[in-house]
Amino acid sequence: MQVINTNLMSLNAQGNLAGTQKDLSTAIQRLSTGLRVNSAKDDAA
């Protein structure tokens, strides 16, 4: 019999951290360039 332990709170925290790091990366990129539009998806209209 095989037992697999999963820490659901840890998995949730890892997902939240990944999302936060992505948002932070975008914010830093925008601050460092000084531009409102850094890529085509920023100004699709």
PDB file of N, CA and C in Angstrom:
ATOM      1  N   MET A   1       0.847  -1.179   0.000  1.00  0.00           N
ATOM      2  CA  MET A   1       0.000   0.000   0.000  1.00  0.00           C
ATOM      3  C   MET A   1       0.891   1.239   0.000  1.00  0.00           C
ATOM      4  N   GLN A   2       0.633   2.119  -0.955  1.00  0.00           N
ATOM      5  CA  GLN A   2       1.439   3.330  -1.082  1.00  0.00           C
ATOM      6  C   GLN A   2       0.651   4.531  -0.568  1.00  0.00           C
ATOM      7  N   VAL A   3       1.311   5.358   0.224  1.00  0.00           N
ATOM      8  CA  VAL A   3       0.668   6.546   0.786  1.00  0.00           C
ATOM      9  C   VAL A   3       1.364   7.782   0.239  1.00  0.00           C
ATOM     10  N   ILE A   4       0.578   8.692  -0.308  1.00  0.00           N
ATOM     11  CA  ILE A   4       1.124   9.950  -0.819  1.00  0.00           C
ATOM     12  C   ILE A   4       0.560  11.082   0.025  1.00  0.00           C
ATOM     13  N   ASN A   5       1.443  11.794   0.701  1.00  0.00           N
ATOM     14  CA  ASN A   5       1.027  12.932   1.509  1.00  0.00           C
ATOM     15  C   ASN A   5       1.127  14.206   0.674  1.00  0.00           C
ATOM     16  N   THR A   6       0.074  14.996   0.692  1.00  0.00           N
ATOM     17  CA  THR A   6       0.048  16.247  -0.052  1.00  0.00           C
ATOM     18  C   THR A   6      -0.329  17.365   0.893  1.00  0.00           C
ATOM     19  N   ASN A   7       0.479  18.391   0.916  1.00  0.00           N
ATOM     20  CA  ASN A   7       0.200  19.546   1.745  1.00  0.00           C
ATOM     21  C   ASN A   7      -0.540  20.565   0.876  1.00  0.00           C
ATOM     22  N   LEU A   8      -1.862  20.570   0.987  1.00  0.00           N
ATOM     23  CA  LEU A   8      -2.671  21.436   0.138  1.00  0.00           C
ATOM     24  C   LEU A   8      -2.417  22.911   0.408  1.00  0.00           C
ATOM     25  N   MET A   9      -2.167  23.270   1.653  1.00  0.00           N
ATOM     26  CA  MET A   9      -1.887  24.676   1.961  1.00  0.00           C
ATOM     27  C   MET A   9      -0.578  25.118   1.311  1.00  0.00           C
ATOM     28  N   SER A  10       0.394  24.225   1.271  1.00  0.00           N
ATOM     29  CA  SER A  10       1.668  24.543   0.627  1.00  0.00           C
ATOM     30  C   SER A  10       1.485  24.714  -0.879  1.00  0.00           C
ATOM     31  N   LEU A  11       0.708  23.841  -1.494  1.00  0.00           N
ATOM     32  CA  LEU A  11       0.449  23.961  -2.929  1.00  0.00           C
ATOM     33  C   LEU A  11      -0.278  25.261  -3.247  1.00  0.00           C
ATOM     34  N   ASN A  12      -1.223  25.641  -2.404  1.00  0.00           N
ATOM     35  CA  ASN A  12      -1.951  26.888  -2.590  1.00  0.00           C
ATOM     36  C   ASN A  12      -1.004  28.080  -2.462  1.00  0.00           C
ATOM     37  N   ALA A  13      -0.141  28.044  -1.474  1.00  0.00           N
ATOM     38  CA  ALA A  13       0.825  29.128  -1.272  1.00  0.00           C
ATOM     39  C   ALA A  13       1.784  29.234  -2.454  1.00  0.00           C
ATOM     40  N   GLN A  14       2.212  28.112  -2.988  1.00  0.00           N
ATOM     41  CA  GLN A  14       3.110  28.123  -4.144  1.00  0.00           C
ATOM     42  C   GLN A  14       2.431  28.744  -5.361  1.00  0.00           C
ATOM     43  N   GLY A  15       1.158  28.437  -5.548  1.00  0.00           N
ATOM     44  CA  GLY A  15       0.410  29.029  -6.657  1.00  0.00           C
ATOM     45  C   GLY A  15       0.264  30.531  -6.498  1.00  0.00           C
ATOM     46  N   ASN A  16      -0.032  30.964  -5.274  1.00  0.00           N
ATOM     47  CA  ASN A  16      -0.149  32.398  -5.013  1.00  0.00           C
ATOM     48  C   ASN A  16       1.180  33.107  -5.227  1.00  0.00           C
ATOM     49  N   LEU A  17       2.263  32.490  -4.802  1.00  0.00           N
ATOM     50  CA  LEU A  17       3.588  33.081  -4.968  1.00  0.00           C
ATOM     51  C   LEU A  17       3.936  33.221  -6.448  1.00  0.00           C
ATOM     52  N   ALA A  18       3.634  32.212  -7.234  1.00  0.00           N
ATOM     53  CA  ALA A  18       3.929  32.274  -8.665  1.00  0.00           C
ATOM     54  C   ALA A  18       3.173  33.422  -9.326  1.00  0.00           C
ATOM     55  N   GLY A  19       1.907  33.592  -8.968  1.00  0.00           N
ATOM     56  CA  GLY A  19       1.121  34.692  -9.529  1.00  0.00           C
ATOM     57  C   GLY A  19       1.655  36.048  -9.112  1.00  0.00           C
ATOM     58  N   THR A  20       2.055  36.161  -7.859  1.00  0.00           N
ATOM     59  CA  THR A  20       2.598  37.420  -7.352  1.00  0.00           C
ATOM     60  C   THR A  20       3.924  37.749  -8.025  1.00  0.00           C
ATOM     61  N   GLN A  21       4.764  36.748  -8.228  1.00  0.00           N
ATOM     62  CA  GLN A  21       6.047  36.979  -8.891  1.00  0.00           C
ATOM     63  C   GLN A  21       5.845  37.431 -10.333  1.00  0.00           C
ATOM     64  N   LYS A  22       4.845  36.875 -11.009  1.00  0.00           N
ATOM     65  CA  LYS A  22       4.542  37.281 -12.386  1.00  0.00           C
ATOM     66  C   LYS A  22       4.103  38.737 -12.423  1.00  0.00           C
ATOM     67  N   ASP A  23       3.208  39.122 -11.502  1.00  0.00           N
ATOM     68  CA  ASP A  23       2.740  40.507 -11.438  1.00  0.00           C
ATOM     69  C   ASP A  23       3.884  41.456 -11.104  1.00  0.00           C
ATOM     70  N   LEU A  24       4.754  41.060 -10.189  1.00  0.00           N
ATOM     71  CA  LEU A  24       5.893  41.890  -9.814  1.00  0.00           C
ATOM     72  C   LEU A  24       6.843  42.068 -10.993  1.00  0.00           C
ATOM     73  N   SER A  25       7.070  41.013 -11.732  1.00  0.00           N
ATOM     74  CA  SER A  25       7.943  41.089 -12.895  1.00  0.00           C
ATOM     75  C   SER A  25       7.404  42.082 -13.918  1.00  0.00           C
ATOM     76  N   THR A  26       6.094  42.044 -14.154  1.00  0.00           N
ATOM     77  CA  THR A  26       5.469  42.977 -15.089  1.00  0.00           C
ATOM     78  C   THR A  26       5.615  44.410 -14.597  1.00  0.00           C
ATOM     79  N   ALA A  27       5.375  44.639 -13.314  1.00  0.00           N
ATOM     80  CA  ALA A  27       5.473  45.987 -12.750  1.00  0.00           C
ATOM     81  C   ALA A  27       6.902  46.519 -12.844  1.00  0.00           C
ATOM     82  N   ILE A  28       7.881  45.684 -12.544  1.00  0.00           N
ATOM     83  CA  ILE A  28       9.281  46.117 -12.607  1.00  0.00           C
ATOM     84  C   ILE A  28       9.677  46.425 -14.045  1.00  0.00           C
ATOM     85  N   GLN A  29       9.194  45.617 -14.983  1.00  0.00           N
ATOM     86  CA  GLN A  29       9.501  45.864 -16.393  1.00  0.00           C
ATOM     87  C   GLN A  29       8.953  47.222 -16.818  1.00  0.00           C
ATOM     88  N   ARG A  30       7.742  47.534 -16.421  1.00  0.00           N
ATOM     89  CA  ARG A  30       7.137  48.811 -16.790  1.00  0.00           C
ATOM     90  C   ARG A  30       7.859  49.979 -16.130  1.00  0.00           C
ATOM     91  N   LEU A  31       8.251  49.817 -14.878  1.00  0.00           N
ATOM     92  CA  LEU A  31       8.978  50.882 -14.184  1.00  0.00           C
ATOM     93  C   LEU A  31      10.356  51.112 -14.797  1.00  0.00           C
ATOM     94  N   SER A  32      11.025  50.043 -15.161  1.00  0.00           N
ATOM     95  CA  SER A  32      12.396  50.168 -15.649  1.00  0.00           C
ATOM     96  C   SER A  32      12.457  50.802 -17.033  1.00  0.00           C
ATOM     97  N   THR A  33      11.443  50.588 -17.862  1.00  0.00           N
ATOM     98  CA  THR A  33      11.460  51.161 -19.206  1.00  0.00           C
ATOM     99  C   THR A  33      10.879  52.566 -19.225  1.00  0.00           C
ATOM    100  N   GLY A  34      10.039  52.881 -18.249  1.00  0.00           N
ATOM    101  CA  GLY A  34       9.404  54.192 -18.232  1.00  0.00           C
ATOM    102  C   GLY A  34       8.320  54.329 -19.282  1.00  0.00           C
ATOM    103  N   LEU A  35       7.941  53.235 -19.889  1.00  0.00           N
ATOM    104  CA  LEU A  35       6.927  53.260 -20.939  1.00  0.00           C
ATOM    105  C   LEU A  35       5.616  52.681 -20.434  1.00  0.00           C
ATOM    106  N   ARG A  36       4.517  53.233 -20.957  1.00  0.00           N
ATOM    107  CA  ARG A  36       3.209  52.697 -20.605  1.00  0.00           C
ATOM    108  C   ARG A  36       2.967  51.389 -21.355  1.00  0.00           C
ATOM    109  N   VAL A  37       3.474  51.320 -22.579  1.00  0.00           N
ATOM    110  CA  VAL A  37       3.264  50.140 -23.416  1.00  0.00           C
ATOM    111  C   VAL A  37       4.603  49.448 -23.629  1.00  0.00           C
ATOM    112  N   ASN A  38       4.729  48.245 -23.130  1.00  0.00           N
ATOM    113  CA  ASN A  38       5.954  47.464 -23.307  1.00  0.00           C
ATOM    114  C   ASN A  38       5.787  46.353 -24.330  1.00  0.00           C
ATOM    115  N   SER A  39       4.557  45.938 -24.526  1.00  0.00           N
ATOM    116  CA  SER A  39       4.319  44.857 -25.477  1.00  0.00           C
ATOM    117  C   SER A  39       2.972  45.078 -26.148  1.00  0.00           C
ATOM    118  N   ALA A  40       2.700  44.329 -27.187  1.00  0.00           N
ATOM    119  CA  ALA A  40       1.462  44.497 -27.938  1.00  0.00           C
ATOM    120  C   ALA A  40       0.236  44.238 -27.078  1.00  0.00           C
ATOM    121  N   LYS A  41       0.330  43.346 -26.124  1.00  0.00           N
ATOM    122  CA  LYS A  41      -0.839  43.024 -25.306  1.00  0.00           C
ATOM    123  C   LYS A  41      -1.187  44.129 -24.317  1.00  0.00           C
ATOM    124  N   ASP A  42      -0.257  45.069 -24.044  1.00  0.00           N
ATOM    125  CA  ASP A  42      -0.539  46.165 -23.122  1.00  0.00           C
ATOM    126  C   ASP A  42      -1.503  47.185 -23.716  1.00  0.00           C
ATOM    127  N   ASP A  43      -1.525  47.318 -25.045  1.00  0.00           N
ATOM    128  CA  ASP A  43      -2.372  48.317 -25.703  1.00  0.00           C
ATOM    129  C   ASP A  43      -3.003  47.697 -26.938  1.00  0.00           C
ATOM    130  N   ALA A  44      -3.950  46.805 -26.709  1.00  0.00           N
ATOM    131  CA  ALA A  44      -4.536  46.040 -27.802  1.00  0.00           C
ATOM    132  C   ALA A  44      -5.472  46.861 -28.680  1.00  0.00           C
ATOM    133  N   ALA A  45      -5.993  47.973 -28.175  1.00  0.00           N
ATOM    134  CA  ALA A  45      -6.993  48.742 -28.927  1.00  0.00           C
ATOM    135  C   ALA A  45      -6.414  49.450 -30.118  1.00  0.00           C
TER     136      ALA A  45
END
